[in-house]
Amino acid sequence: MTYLKKQIEIIRKNDPALKSNLEVLLYPSFKVMIYYKIAHYLYLKKRYFLARLLSERAKRKTGIEIHPGAVIGKNFFIDHGVGVVIGETTIIGDDVTIYHGVTLGGVSNTNKKRHPTIKNNVIIGCGAKVLGDITIGNNVKIGANSTVLKDVEDNKTVVGIY
């Protein structure tokens, strides 16, 4: 299955409001992931300026900011998307869903890993902030508008300031 077909399948599976595959083409998540794939490829080839140029274009077109250095696994889904920020050293596992206004951000300006690692089957509610070099375990749910500043074990649900 091609990457584009897989993206369409992921979005259709996660958004029951969509009535056709054609509607997916309007979806910000669909657009930003195409930009991200190309920008990430360029980033890995050390074509940093071109990678950032593409990611900045994607941000202007979709309202979603994904640094080209971020590593994103399979079946990643961003619902609605406006205001999402994913930092450079973020690592996202498979089958992760995030909602609008989520920040996966850093808390330092050093040249080491400074953004979160999100493992598999994680859901991050709208407006949540996951900050720093922390690990969010498998099957975790993070509630809307939560702020997460420390590691979260597998199979947990966190809300508020954690």
Protein backbone atom coordinates (compact mmCIF):
# COMPACT_ATOMS: atom_id res chain seq x y z
CA MET A 1 0.00 0.00 0.00
CA THR A 2 1.43 3.37 -0.93
CA TYR A 3 2.07 6.01 1.70
CA LEU A 4 -0.75 8.24 0.42
CA LYS A 5 -3.27 5.41 0.46
CA LYS A 6 -2.20 4.51 4.00
CA GLN A 7 -2.65 8.14 5.13
CA ILE A 8 -6.13 8.21 3.63
CA GLU A 9 -6.98 4.96 5.42
CA ILE A 10 -5.70 6.27 8.78
CA ILE A 11 -7.68 9.50 8.52
CA ARG A 12 -10.88 7.76 7.35
CA LYS A 13 -10.59 5.26 10.23
CA ASN A 14 -10.16 8.02 12.82
CA ASP A 15 -12.67 10.61 11.62
CA PRO A 16 -16.23 9.39 11.13
CA ALA A 17 -17.28 12.84 9.82
CA LEU A 18 -15.51 12.20 6.51
CA LYS A 19 -17.84 10.88 3.84
CA SER A 20 -15.33 10.23 1.03
CA ASN A 21 -11.65 9.75 0.30
CA LEU A 22 -11.72 13.01 -1.63
CA GLU A 23 -12.52 14.94 1.56
CA VAL A 24 -9.29 13.63 3.08
CA LEU A 25 -7.37 15.81 0.62
CA LEU A 26 -8.70 18.84 2.51
CA TYR A 27 -7.55 17.52 5.88
CA PRO A 28 -4.60 19.42 7.45
CA SER A 29 -3.15 16.17 8.85
CA PHE A 30 -2.98 14.67 5.37
CA LYS A 31 -1.21 17.71 3.93
CA VAL A 32 1.25 18.18 6.78
CA MET A 33 2.33 14.53 6.76
CA ILE A 34 3.21 14.72 3.06
CA TYR A 35 5.30 17.82 3.73
CA TYR A 36 6.84 16.15 6.80
CA LYS A 37 7.88 13.00 4.91
CA ILE A 38 9.73 15.05 2.28
CA ALA A 39 11.23 17.46 4.83
CA HIS A 40 12.36 14.60 7.08
CA TYR A 41 14.05 12.89 4.13
CA LEU A 42 15.90 16.13 3.31
CA TYR A 43 16.83 16.58 6.97
CA LEU A 44 18.36 13.10 7.09
CA LYS A 45 20.36 14.01 3.95
CA LYS A 46 21.65 17.09 5.85
CA ARG A 47 19.75 19.46 3.54
CA TYR A 48 18.65 21.42 6.59
CA PHE A 49 17.62 24.66 4.91
CA LEU A 50 15.39 22.94 2.35
CA ALA A 51 13.91 20.75 5.07
CA ARG A 52 13.06 23.78 7.21
CA LEU A 53 11.73 25.67 4.19
CA LEU A 54 9.25 22.85 3.53
CA SER A 55 8.24 22.54 7.17
CA GLU A 56 7.68 26.30 7.40
CA ARG A 57 5.50 26.16 4.28
CA ALA A 58 3.52 23.30 5.81
CA LYS A 59 3.04 25.32 9.01
CA ARG A 60 1.66 28.29 7.04
CA LYS A 61 -0.69 26.06 5.03
CA THR A 62 -1.96 23.83 7.85
CA GLY A 63 -1.33 25.52 11.21
CA ILE A 64 0.63 22.42 12.24
CA GLU A 65 4.35 22.71 12.99
CA ILE A 66 6.44 19.55 12.74
CA HIS A 67 10.21 19.99 12.86
CA PRO A 68 11.80 17.91 10.07
CA GLY A 69 14.14 16.30 12.61
CA ALA A 70 11.28 14.71 14.55
CA VAL A 71 10.89 10.95 14.13
CA ILE A 72 7.31 9.75 13.59
CA GLY A 73 6.16 6.12 13.48
CA LYS A 74 3.36 4.42 11.57
CA ASN A 75 -0.32 5.28 11.71
CA PHE A 76 0.19 8.73 13.24
CA PHE A 77 -3.00 10.81 13.29
CA ILE A 78 -3.52 14.49 14.07
CA ASP A 79 -7.20 15.36 14.49
CA HIS A 80 -8.09 18.94 13.50
CA GLY A 81 -4.46 19.94 14.02
CA VAL A 82 -4.33 23.72 14.28
CA GLY A 83 -1.80 24.78 16.89
CA VAL A 84 0.06 21.45 17.05
CA VAL A 85 3.82 21.84 17.62
CA ILE A 86 6.25 18.91 17.44
CA GLY A 87 9.88 19.69 18.32
CA GLU A 88 13.09 18.58 16.65
CA THR A 89 14.13 15.73 18.95
CA THR A 90 10.63 14.35 19.46
CA ILE A 91 10.22 10.63 18.83
CA ILE A 92 6.69 9.34 18.21
CA GLY A 93 5.89 5.62 18.08
CA ASP A 94 3.17 3.79 16.16
CA ASP A 95 -0.60 4.31 16.36
CA VAL A 96 -0.42 7.67 18.14
CA THR A 97 -3.29 10.17 17.98
CA ILE A 98 -3.00 13.81 18.98
CA TYR A 99 -5.60 16.56 18.90
CA HIS A 100 -5.44 20.28 18.15
CA GLY A 101 -3.30 22.56 20.23
CA VAL A 102 -0.92 19.82 21.45
CA THR A 103 2.71 20.79 22.06
CA LEU A 104 5.48 18.20 22.19
CA GLY A 105 8.11 20.70 23.23
CA GLY A 106 11.45 21.27 24.85
CA VAL A 107 12.42 22.97 28.08
CA SER A 108 16.06 23.71 27.29
CA ASN A 109 18.18 25.03 24.45
CA THR A 110 21.01 22.52 24.63
CA ASN A 111 22.24 20.38 21.73
CA LYS A 112 21.00 17.15 23.29
CA LYS A 113 17.59 15.45 23.26
CA ARG A 114 15.18 17.98 24.70
CA HIS A 115 11.75 16.83 23.47
CA PRO A 116 9.54 13.92 24.54
CA THR A 117 9.50 10.32 23.38
CA ILE A 118 5.96 9.08 22.84
CA LYS A 119 5.66 5.29 22.68
CA ASN A 120 2.91 3.26 20.93
CA ASN A 121 -0.90 3.52 21.15
CA VAL A 122 -0.91 6.90 22.89
CA ILE A 123 -3.73 9.46 22.77
CA ILE A 124 -2.97 13.08 23.65
CA GLY A 125 -5.99 15.32 24.21
CA CYS A 126 -6.44 18.80 22.80
CA GLY A 127 -4.36 21.54 24.32
CA ALA A 128 -2.04 19.17 26.18
CA LYS A 129 1.60 20.13 26.66
CA VAL A 130 4.19 17.35 26.93
CA LEU A 131 7.51 19.02 27.68
CA GLY A 132 11.12 17.99 28.01
CA ASP A 133 13.17 14.84 27.50
CA ILE A 134 10.58 12.55 29.04
CA THR A 135 9.03 9.24 27.97
CA ILE A 136 5.32 8.61 27.62
CA GLY A 137 4.74 4.85 27.84
CA ASN A 138 2.66 2.52 25.69
CA ASN A 139 -1.15 2.78 25.83
CA VAL A 140 -1.12 6.08 27.73
CA LYS A 141 -3.95 8.62 27.58
CA ILE A 142 -3.22 12.26 28.33
CA GLY A 143 -6.25 14.41 29.09
CA ALA A 144 -7.13 17.67 27.39
CA ASN A 145 -5.19 20.71 28.59
CA SER A 146 -2.87 18.61 30.75
CA THR A 147 0.76 19.54 31.28
CA VAL A 148 3.11 16.57 31.49
CA LEU A 149 6.63 17.22 32.80
CA LYS A 150 7.77 13.74 33.88
CA ASP A 151 7.77 10.17 32.57
CA VAL A 152 4.46 8.32 32.39
CA GLU A 153 4.41 4.53 32.82
CA ASP A 154 2.63 2.20 30.37
CA ASN A 155 -1.16 1.89 30.55
CA LYS A 156 -1.75 5.07 32.59
CA THR A 157 -4.16 7.96 32.15
CA VAL A 158 -2.94 11.39 33.26
CA VAL A 159 -4.83 14.66 33.65
CA GLY A 160 -3.98 18.07 35.01
CA ILE A 161 -0.36 18.84 35.85
CA TYR A 162 1.72 15.67 36.03
